[in-house]
Amino acid sequence: SSQEALSFPPTFLPQEWRFDNYLSLFDAVPF
């Protein structure tokens, strides 16, 4: 998630796997 990606101390494995980030990328810009 956006918050976990910037958290400190950082986590190695995602606490919640957000595969929809790649779909959000194409919604944010015409990637």
PDB file of all heavy atoms in Angstrom:
ATOM      1  N   SER A   1       0.843  -1.185   0.000  1.00  0.00           N
ATOM      2  CA  SER A   1       0.000   0.000   0.000  1.00  0.00           C
ATOM      3  C   SER A   1       0.883   1.240   0.000  1.00  0.00           C
ATOM      4  O   SER A   1       2.092   1.171   0.279  1.00  0.00           O
ATOM      5  CB  SER A   1      -0.912   0.005   1.221  1.00  0.00           C
ATOM      6  OG  SER A   1      -0.146   0.116   2.414  1.00  0.00           O
ATOM      7  N   SER A   2       0.300   2.385  -0.300  1.00  0.00           N
ATOM      8  CA  SER A   2       1.077   3.621  -0.350  1.00  0.00           C
ATOM      9  C   SER A   2       1.698   3.942   1.005  1.00  0.00           C
ATOM     10  O   SER A   2       2.844   4.374   1.091  1.00  0.00           O
ATOM     11  CB  SER A   2       0.188   4.777  -0.819  1.00  0.00           C
ATOM     12  OG  SER A   2       0.906   5.986  -0.840  1.00  0.00           O
ATOM     13  N   GLN A   3       0.936   3.712   2.082  1.00  0.00           N
ATOM     14  CA  GLN A   3       1.454   3.999   3.411  1.00  0.00           C
ATOM     15  C   GLN A   3       2.572   3.037   3.804  1.00  0.00           C
ATOM     16  O   GLN A   3       3.597   3.433   4.354  1.00  0.00           O
ATOM     17  CB  GLN A   3       0.321   3.926   4.457  1.00  0.00           C
ATOM     18  CG  GLN A   3      -0.754   4.991   4.299  1.00  0.00           C
ATOM     19  CD  GLN A   3      -1.737   4.670   3.179  1.00  0.00           C
ATOM     20  OE1 GLN A   3      -1.753   3.539   2.658  1.00  0.00           O
ATOM     21  NE2 GLN A   3      -2.551   5.652   2.808  1.00  0.00           N
ATOM     22  N   GLU A   4       2.394   1.756   3.503  1.00  0.00           N
ATOM     23  CA  GLU A   4       3.415   0.780   3.878  1.00  0.00           C
ATOM     24  C   GLU A   4       4.688   0.962   3.075  1.00  0.00           C
ATOM     25  O   GLU A   4       5.792   0.742   3.585  1.00  0.00           O
ATOM     26  CB  GLU A   4       2.878  -0.633   3.675  1.00  0.00           C
ATOM     27  CG  GLU A   4       3.840  -1.714   4.186  1.00  0.00           C
ATOM     28  CD  GLU A   4       3.334  -3.115   3.930  1.00  0.00           C
ATOM     29  OE1 GLU A   4       2.243  -3.260   3.346  1.00  0.00           O
ATOM     30  OE2 GLU A   4       4.037  -4.079   4.300  1.00  0.00           O
ATOM     31  N   ALA A   5       4.583   1.393   1.824  1.00  0.00           N
ATOM     32  CA  ALA A   5       5.763   1.584   0.987  1.00  0.00           C
ATOM     33  C   ALA A   5       6.666   2.676   1.532  1.00  0.00           C
ATOM     34  O   ALA A   5       7.880   2.653   1.307  1.00  0.00           O
ATOM     35  CB  ALA A   5       5.346   1.918  -0.432  1.00  0.00           C
ATOM     36  N   LEU A   6       6.086   3.638   2.267  1.00  0.00           N
ATOM     37  CA  LEU A   6       6.861   4.743   2.832  1.00  0.00           C
ATOM     38  C   LEU A   6       7.050   4.614   4.335  1.00  0.00           C
ATOM     39  O   LEU A   6       7.550   5.553   4.973  1.00  0.00           O
ATOM     40  CB  LEU A   6       6.171   6.076   2.520  1.00  0.00           C
ATOM     41  CG  LEU A   6       6.112   6.467   1.032  1.00  0.00           C
ATOM     42  CD1 LEU A   6       5.255   7.713   0.845  1.00  0.00           C
ATOM     43  CD2 LEU A   6       7.510   6.693   0.475  1.00  0.00           C
ATOM     44  N   SER A   7       6.661   3.488   4.908  1.00  0.00           N
ATOM     45  CA  SER A   7       6.744   3.335   6.356  1.00  0.00           C
ATOM     46  C   SER A   7       8.180   3.178   6.818  1.00  0.00           C
ATOM     47  O   SER A   7       9.056   2.749   6.066  1.00  0.00           O
ATOM     48  CB  SER A   7       5.925   2.116   6.799  1.00  0.00           C
ATOM     49  OG  SER A   7       6.483   0.925   6.251  1.00  0.00           O
ATOM     50  N   PHE A   8       8.442   3.574   8.064  1.00  0.00           N
ATOM     51  CA  PHE A   8       9.762   3.399   8.674  1.00  0.00           C
ATOM     52  C   PHE A   8       9.578   2.878  10.099  1.00  0.00           C
ATOM     53  O   PHE A   8       8.793   3.440  10.869  1.00  0.00           O
ATOM     54  CB  PHE A   8      10.526   4.724   8.716  1.00  0.00           C
ATOM     55  CG  PHE A   8      11.951   4.567   9.178  1.00  0.00           C
ATOM     56  CD1 PHE A   8      12.952   4.196   8.295  1.00  0.00           C
ATOM     57  CD2 PHE A   8      12.266   4.757  10.511  1.00  0.00           C
ATOM     58  CE1 PHE A   8      14.252   4.036   8.733  1.00  0.00           C
ATOM     59  CE2 PHE A   8      13.572   4.594  10.961  1.00  0.00           C
ATOM     60  CZ  PHE A   8      14.557   4.238  10.060  1.00  0.00           C
ATOM     61  N   PRO A   9      10.290   1.810  10.458  1.00  0.00           N
ATOM     62  CA  PRO A   9      11.223   1.040   9.620  1.00  0.00           C
ATOM     63  C   PRO A   9      10.484   0.297   8.504  1.00  0.00           C
ATOM     64  O   PRO A   9       9.332  -0.090   8.670  1.00  0.00           O
ATOM     65  CB  PRO A   9      11.855   0.077  10.616  1.00  0.00           C
ATOM     66  CG  PRO A   9      10.833  -0.070  11.692  1.00  0.00           C
ATOM     67  CD  PRO A   9      10.156   1.259  11.816  1.00  0.00           C
ATOM     68  N   PRO A  10      11.156   0.113   7.386  1.00  0.00           N
ATOM     69  CA  PRO A  10      10.484  -0.509   6.241  1.00  0.00           C
ATOM     70  C   PRO A  10      10.217  -1.990   6.471  1.00  0.00           C
ATOM     71  O   PRO A  10      10.926  -2.663   7.215  1.00  0.00           O
ATOM     72  CB  PRO A  10      11.485  -0.296   5.094  1.00  0.00           C
ATOM     73  CG  PRO A  10      12.809  -0.177   5.770  1.00  0.00           C
ATOM     74  CD  PRO A  10      12.548   0.501   7.082  1.00  0.00           C
ATOM     75  N   THR A  11       9.179  -2.488   5.836  1.00  0.00           N
ATOM     76  CA  THR A  11       8.874  -3.916   5.863  1.00  0.00           C
ATOM     77  C   THR A  11       9.453  -4.566   4.617  1.00  0.00           C
ATOM     78  O   THR A  11       9.597  -3.925   3.583  1.00  0.00           O
ATOM     79  CB  THR A  11       7.354  -4.137   5.907  1.00  0.00           C
ATOM     80  OG1 THR A  11       6.758  -3.503   4.767  1.00  0.00           O
ATOM     81  CG2 THR A  11       6.765  -3.535   7.180  1.00  0.00           C
ATOM     82  N   PHE A  12       9.789  -5.834   4.749  1.00  0.00           N
ATOM     83  CA  PHE A  12      10.343  -6.545   3.589  1.00  0.00           C
ATOM     84  C   PHE A  12       9.207  -7.098   2.731  1.00  0.00           C
ATOM     85  O   PHE A  12       9.028  -6.693   1.595  1.00  0.00           O
ATOM     86  CB  PHE A  12      11.277  -7.667   4.038  1.00  0.00           C
ATOM     87  CG  PHE A  12      11.931  -8.397   2.905  1.00  0.00           C
ATOM     88  CD1 PHE A  12      12.869  -7.772   2.096  1.00  0.00           C
ATOM     89  CD2 PHE A  12      11.595  -9.716   2.627  1.00  0.00           C
ATOM     90  CE1 PHE A  12      13.466  -8.442   1.035  1.00  0.00           C
ATOM     91  CE2 PHE A  12      12.182 -10.395   1.573  1.00  0.00           C
ATOM     92  CZ  PHE A  12      13.121  -9.752   0.778  1.00  0.00           C
ATOM     93  N   LEU A  13       8.428  -8.016   3.286  1.00  0.00           N
ATOM     94  CA  LEU A  13       7.282  -8.540   2.563  1.00  0.00           C
ATOM     95  C   LEU A  13       6.060  -7.667   2.825  1.00  0.00           C
ATOM     96  O   LEU A  13       5.888  -7.154   3.941  1.00  0.00           O
ATOM     97  CB  LEU A  13       6.992  -9.982   2.983  1.00  0.00           C
ATOM     98  CG  LEU A  13       8.059 -11.019   2.634  1.00  0.00           C
ATOM     99  CD1 LEU A  13       7.683 -12.379   3.197  1.00  0.00           C
ATOM    100  CD2 LEU A  13       8.251 -11.106   1.119  1.00  0.00           C
ATOM    101  N   PRO A  14       5.224  -7.472   1.846  1.00  0.00           N
ATOM    102  CA  PRO A  14       4.017  -6.653   2.071  1.00  0.00           C
ATOM    103  C   PRO A  14       3.097  -7.299   3.102  1.00  0.00           C
ATOM    104  O   PRO A  14       2.904  -8.521   3.111  1.00  0.00           O
ATOM    105  CB  PRO A  14       3.356  -6.618   0.688  1.00  0.00           C
ATOM    106  CG  PRO A  14       4.443  -6.969  -0.290  1.00  0.00           C
ATOM    107  CD  PRO A  14       5.354  -7.898   0.445  1.00  0.00           C
ATOM    108  N   GLN A  15       2.565  -6.483   3.988  1.00  0.00           N
ATOM    109  CA  GLN A  15       1.579  -6.985   4.936  1.00  0.00           C
ATOM    110  C   GLN A  15       0.272  -7.320   4.230  1.00  0.00           C
ATOM    111  O   GLN A  15      -0.456  -8.223   4.625  1.00  0.00           O
ATOM    112  CB  GLN A  15       1.340  -5.938   6.027  1.00  0.00           C
ATOM    113  CG  GLN A  15       2.581  -5.640   6.853  1.00  0.00           C
ATOM    114  CD  GLN A  15       2.349  -4.533   7.862  1.00  0.00           C
ATOM    115  OE1 GLN A  15       1.300  -3.880   7.858  1.00  0.00           O
ATOM    116  NE2 GLN A  15       3.337  -4.299   8.727  1.00  0.00           N
ATOM    117  N   GLU A  16      -0.018  -6.564   3.188  1.00  0.00           N
ATOM    118  CA  GLU A  16      -1.188  -6.833   2.347  1.00  0.00           C
ATOM    119  C   GLU A  16      -0.746  -6.718   0.890  1.00  0.00           C
ATOM    120  O   GLU A  16      -0.295  -5.665   0.448  1.00  0.00           O
ATOM    121  CB  GLU A  16      -2.308  -5.833   2.638  1.00  0.00           C
ATOM    122  CG  GLU A  16      -3.534  -6.048   1.778  1.00  0.00           C
ATOM    123  CD  GLU A  16      -4.589  -4.980   2.015  1.00  0.00           C
ATOM    124  OE1 GLU A  16      -4.357  -4.100   2.853  1.00  0.00           O
ATOM    125  OE2 GLU A  16      -5.625  -5.030   1.334  1.00  0.00           O
ATOM    126  N   TRP A  17      -0.853  -7.818   0.166  1.00  0.00           N
ATOM    127  CA  TRP A  17      -0.385  -7.841  -1.222  1.00  0.00           C
ATOM    128  C   TRP A  17      -1.364  -7.080  -2.103  1.00  0.00           C
ATOM    129  O   TRP A  17      -2.524  -7.460  -2.241  1.00  0.00           O
ATOM    130  CB  TRP A  17      -0.236  -9.281  -1.712  1.00  0.00           C
ATOM    131  CG  TRP A  17       0.830 -10.037  -0.960  1.00  0.00           C
ATOM    132  CD1 TRP A  17       0.707 -10.644   0.243  1.00  0.00           C
ATOM    133  CD2 TRP A  17       2.186 -10.220  -1.367  1.00  0.00           C
ATOM    134  NE1 TRP A  17       1.900 -11.219   0.617  1.00  0.00           N
ATOM    135  CE2 TRP A  17       2.830 -10.983  -0.353  1.00  0.00           C
ATOM    136  CE3 TRP A  17       2.923  -9.841  -2.478  1.00  0.00           C
ATOM    137  CZ2 TRP A  17       4.160 -11.347  -0.425  1.00  0.00           C
ATOM    138  CZ3 TRP A  17       4.250 -10.216  -2.552  1.00  0.00           C
ATOM    139  CH2 TRP A  17       4.861 -10.955  -1.538  1.00  0.00           C
ATOM    140  N   ARG A  18      -0.882  -5.992  -2.719  1.00  0.00           N
ATOM    141  CA  ARG A  18      -1.740  -5.117  -3.516  1.00  0.00           C
ATOM    142  C   ARG A  18      -1.387  -5.252  -5.005  1.00  0.00           C
ATOM    143  O   ARG A  18      -0.705  -4.394  -5.575  1.00  0.00           O
ATOM    144  CB  ARG A  18      -1.573  -3.668  -3.053  1.00  0.00           C
ATOM    145  CG  ARG A  18      -1.929  -3.413  -1.588  1.00  0.00           C
ATOM    146  CD  ARG A  18      -3.426  -3.518  -1.390  1.00  0.00           C
ATOM    147  NE  ARG A  18      -4.110  -2.513  -2.178  1.00  0.00           N
ATOM    148  CZ  ARG A  18      -4.355  -1.279  -1.721  1.00  0.00           C
ATOM    149  NH1 ARG A  18      -3.975  -0.904  -0.503  1.00  0.00           N
ATOM    150  NH2 ARG A  18      -4.999  -0.412  -2.491  1.00  0.00           N
ATOM    151  N   PHE A  19      -1.848  -6.322  -5.617  1.00  0.00           N
ATOM    152  CA  PHE A  19      -1.586  -6.503  -7.045  1.00  0.00           C
ATOM    153  C   PHE A  19      -2.357  -5.498  -7.890  1.00  0.00           C
ATOM    154  O   PHE A  19      -2.012  -5.276  -9.060  1.00  0.00           O
ATOM    155  CB  PHE A  19      -1.954  -7.930  -7.464  1.00  0.00           C
ATOM    156  CG  PHE A  19      -1.067  -8.991  -6.852  1.00  0.00           C
ATOM    157  CD1 PHE A  19      -1.459  -9.676  -5.716  1.00  0.00           C
ATOM    158  CD2 PHE A  19       0.179  -9.279  -7.413  1.00  0.00           C
ATOM    159  CE1 PHE A  19      -0.634 -10.639  -5.154  1.00  0.00           C
ATOM    160  CE2 PHE A  19       1.001 -10.247  -6.857  1.00  0.00           C
ATOM    161  CZ  PHE A  19       0.592 -10.920  -5.721  1.00  0.00           C
ATOM    162  N   ASP A  20      -3.387  -4.898  -7.302  1.00  0.00           N
ATOM    163  CA  ASP A  20      -4.162  -3.909  -8.041  1.00  0.00           C
ATOM    164  C   ASP A  20      -3.402  -2.608  -8.245  1.00  0.00           C
ATOM    165  O   ASP A  20      -3.883  -1.715  -8.948  1.00  0.00           O
ATOM    166  CB  ASP A  20      -5.487  -3.633  -7.343  1.00  0.00           C
ATOM    167  CG  ASP A  20      -5.287  -3.106  -5.923  1.00  0.00           C
ATOM    168  OD1 ASP A  20      -4.270  -3.461  -5.289  1.00  0.00           O
ATOM    169  OD2 ASP A  20      -6.139  -2.334  -5.461  1.00  0.00           O
ATOM    170  N   ASN A  21      -2.196  -2.483  -7.651  1.00  0.00           N
ATOM    171  CA  ASN A  21      -1.387  -1.284  -7.882  1.00  0.00           C
ATOM    172  C   ASN A  21      -1.050  -1.123  -9.358  1.00  0.00           C
ATOM    173  O   ASN A  21      -0.945   0.001  -9.860  1.00  0.00           O
ATOM    174  CB  ASN A  21      -0.089  -1.353  -7.070  1.00  0.00           C
ATOM    175  CG  ASN A  21      -0.323  -1.116  -5.593  1.00  0.00           C
ATOM    176  OD1 ASN A  21      -1.342  -0.554  -5.195  1.00  0.00           O
ATOM    177  ND2 ASN A  21       0.623  -1.564  -4.769  1.00  0.00           N
ATOM    178  N   TYR A  22      -0.875  -2.252 -10.044  1.00  0.00           N
ATOM    179  CA  TYR A  22      -0.531  -2.172 -11.467  1.00  0.00           C
ATOM    180  C   TYR A  22      -1.721  -1.685 -12.290  1.00  0.00           C
ATOM    181  O   TYR A  22      -1.547  -0.972 -13.279  1.00  0.00           O
ATOM    182  CB  TYR A  22      -0.036  -3.534 -11.960  1.00  0.00           C
ATOM    183  CG  TYR A  22       1.339  -3.869 -11.439  1.00  0.00           C
ATOM    184  CD1 TYR A  22       1.516  -4.505 -10.204  1.00  0.00           C
ATOM    185  CD2 TYR A  22       2.474  -3.517 -12.159  1.00  0.00           C
ATOM    186  CE1 TYR A  22       2.780  -4.787  -9.721  1.00  0.00           C
ATOM    187  CE2 TYR A  22       3.746  -3.801 -11.686  1.00  0.00           C
ATOM    188  CZ  TYR A  22       3.893  -4.434 -10.460  1.00  0.00           C
ATOM    189  OH  TYR A  22       5.160  -4.691  -9.968  1.00  0.00           O
ATOM    190  N   LEU A  23      -2.936  -2.053 -11.871  1.00  0.00           N
ATOM    191  CA  LEU A  23      -4.111  -1.505 -12.530  1.00  0.00           C
ATOM    192  C   LEU A  23      -4.268  -0.025 -12.217  1.00  0.00           C
ATOM    193  O   LEU A  23      -4.642   0.775 -13.090  1.00  0.00           O
ATOM    194  CB  LEU A  23      -5.369  -2.275 -12.085  1.00  0.00           C
ATOM    195  CG  LEU A  23      -5.415  -3.762 -12.466  1.00  0.00           C
ATOM    196  CD1 LEU A  23      -6.693  -4.406 -11.919  1.00  0.00           C
ATOM    197  CD2 LEU A  23      -5.349  -3.926 -13.976  1.00  0.00           C
ATOM    198  N   SER A  24      -3.969   0.356 -10.975  1.00  0.00           N
ATOM    199  CA  SER A  24      -4.049   1.766 -10.592  1.00  0.00           C
ATOM    200  C   SER A  24      -3.030   2.606 -11.356  1.00  0.00           C
ATOM    201  O   SER A  24      -3.284   3.776 -11.661  1.00  0.00           O
ATOM    202  CB  SER A  24      -3.814   1.914  -9.083  1.00  0.00           C
ATOM    203  OG  SER A  24      -4.775   1.195  -8.339  1.00  0.00           O
ATOM    204  N   LEU A  25      -1.884   2.006 -11.684  1.00  0.00           N
ATOM    205  CA  LEU A  25      -0.868   2.724 -12.456  1.00  0.00           C
ATOM    206  C   LEU A  25      -1.413   3.129 -13.813  1.00  0.00           C
ATOM    207  O   LEU A  25      -1.225   4.265 -14.253  1.00  0.00           O
ATOM    208  CB  LEU A  25       0.362   1.832 -12.615  1.00  0.00           C
ATOM    209  CG  LEU A  25       1.453   2.325 -13.571  1.00  0.00           C
ATOM    210  CD1 LEU A  25       2.095   3.593 -13.038  1.00  0.00           C
ATOM    211  CD2 LEU A  25       2.506   1.239 -13.781  1.00  0.00           C
ATOM    212  N   PHE A  26      -2.105   2.208 -14.476  1.00  0.00           N
ATOM    213  CA  PHE A  26      -2.651   2.511 -15.799  1.00  0.00           C
ATOM    214  C   PHE A  26      -3.830   3.470 -15.714  1.00  0.00           C
ATOM    215  O   PHE A  26      -4.153   4.136 -16.699  1.00  0.00           O
ATOM    216  CB  PHE A  26      -3.063   1.217 -16.500  1.00  0.00           C
ATOM    217  CG  PHE A  26      -1.906   0.414 -17.025  1.00  0.00           C
ATOM    218  CD1 PHE A  26      -1.228  -0.471 -16.200  1.00  0.00           C
ATOM    219  CD2 PHE A  26      -1.483   0.560 -18.337  1.00  0.00           C
ATOM    220  CE1 PHE A  26      -0.153  -1.207 -16.676  1.00  0.00           C
ATOM    221  CE2 PHE A  26      -0.410  -0.175 -18.823  1.00  0.00           C
ATOM    222  CZ  PHE A  26       0.265  -1.062 -17.988  1.00  0.00           C
ATOM    223  N   ASP A  27      -4.479   3.536 -14.537  1.00  0.00           N
ATOM    224  CA  ASP A  27      -5.541   4.526 -14.350  1.00  0.00           C
ATOM    225  C   ASP A  27      -4.970   5.905 -14.062  1.00  0.00           C
ATOM    226  O   ASP A  27      -5.576   6.922 -14.423  1.00  0.00           O
ATOM    227  CB  ASP A  27      -6.464   4.098 -13.197  1.00  0.00           C
ATOM    228  CG  ASP A  27      -7.269   2.851 -13.533  1.00  0.00           C
ATOM    229  OD1 ASP A  27      -7.502   2.615 -14.735  1.00  0.00           O
ATOM    230  OD2 ASP A  27      -7.637   2.113 -12.595  1.00  0.00           O
ATOM    231  N   ALA A  28      -3.813   5.942 -13.397  1.00  0.00           N
ATOM    232  CA  ALA A  28      -3.217   7.229 -13.012  1.00  0.00           C
ATOM    233  C   ALA A  28      -2.632   7.960 -14.211  1.00  0.00           C
ATOM    234  O   ALA A  28      -2.779   9.180 -14.341  1.00  0.00           O
ATOM    235  CB  ALA A  28      -2.139   7.012 -11.939  1.00  0.00           C
ATOM    236  N   VAL A  29      -1.964   7.232 -15.087  1.00  0.00           N
ATOM    237  CA  VAL A  29      -1.353   7.821 -16.287  1.00  0.00           C
ATOM    238  C   VAL A  29      -1.567   6.853 -17.446  1.00  0.00           C
ATOM    239  O   VAL A  29      -1.775   5.655 -17.230  1.00  0.00           O
ATOM    240  CB  VAL A  29       0.165   8.067 -16.092  1.00  0.00           C
ATOM    241  CG1 VAL A  29       0.419   9.144 -15.049  1.00  0.00           C
ATOM    242  CG2 VAL A  29       0.890   6.783 -15.724  1.00  0.00           C
ATOM    243  N   PRO A  30      -1.514   7.334 -18.696  1.00  0.00           N
ATOM    244  CA  PRO A  30      -1.656   6.427 -19.857  1.00  0.00           C
ATOM    245  C   PRO A  30      -0.388   5.609 -20.079  1.00  0.00           C
ATOM    246  O   PRO A  30       0.335   5.793 -21.067  1.00  0.00           O
ATOM    247  CB  PRO A  30      -1.941   7.381 -21.010  1.00  0.00           C
ATOM    248  CG  PRO A  30      -1.321   8.674 -20.611  1.00  0.00           C
ATOM    249  CD  PRO A  30      -1.469   8.746 -19.116  1.00  0.00           C
ATOM    250  N   PHE A  31      -0.100   4.702 -19.148  1.00  0.00           N
ATOM    251  CA  PHE A  31       1.153   3.970 -19.173  1.00  0.00           C
ATOM    252  C   PHE A  31       1.248   3.047 -20.377  1.00  0.00           C
ATOM    253  O   PHE A  31       2.346   2.784 -20.882  1.00  0.00           O
ATOM    254  CB  PHE A  31       1.305   3.159 -17.875  1.00  0.00           C
ATOM    255  CG  PHE A  31       2.731   2.898 -17.494  1.00  0.00           C
ATOM    256  CD1 PHE A  31       3.496   3.884 -16.894  1.00  0.00           C
ATOM    257  CD2 PHE A  31       3.318   1.671 -17.746  1.00  0.00           C
ATOM    258  CE1 PHE A  31       4.816   3.647 -16.538  1.00  0.00           C
ATOM    259  CE2 PHE A  31       4.646   1.429 -17.397  1.00  0.00           C
ATOM    260  CZ  PHE A  31       5.395   2.422 -16.802  1.00  0.00           C
TER     261      PHE A  31
END
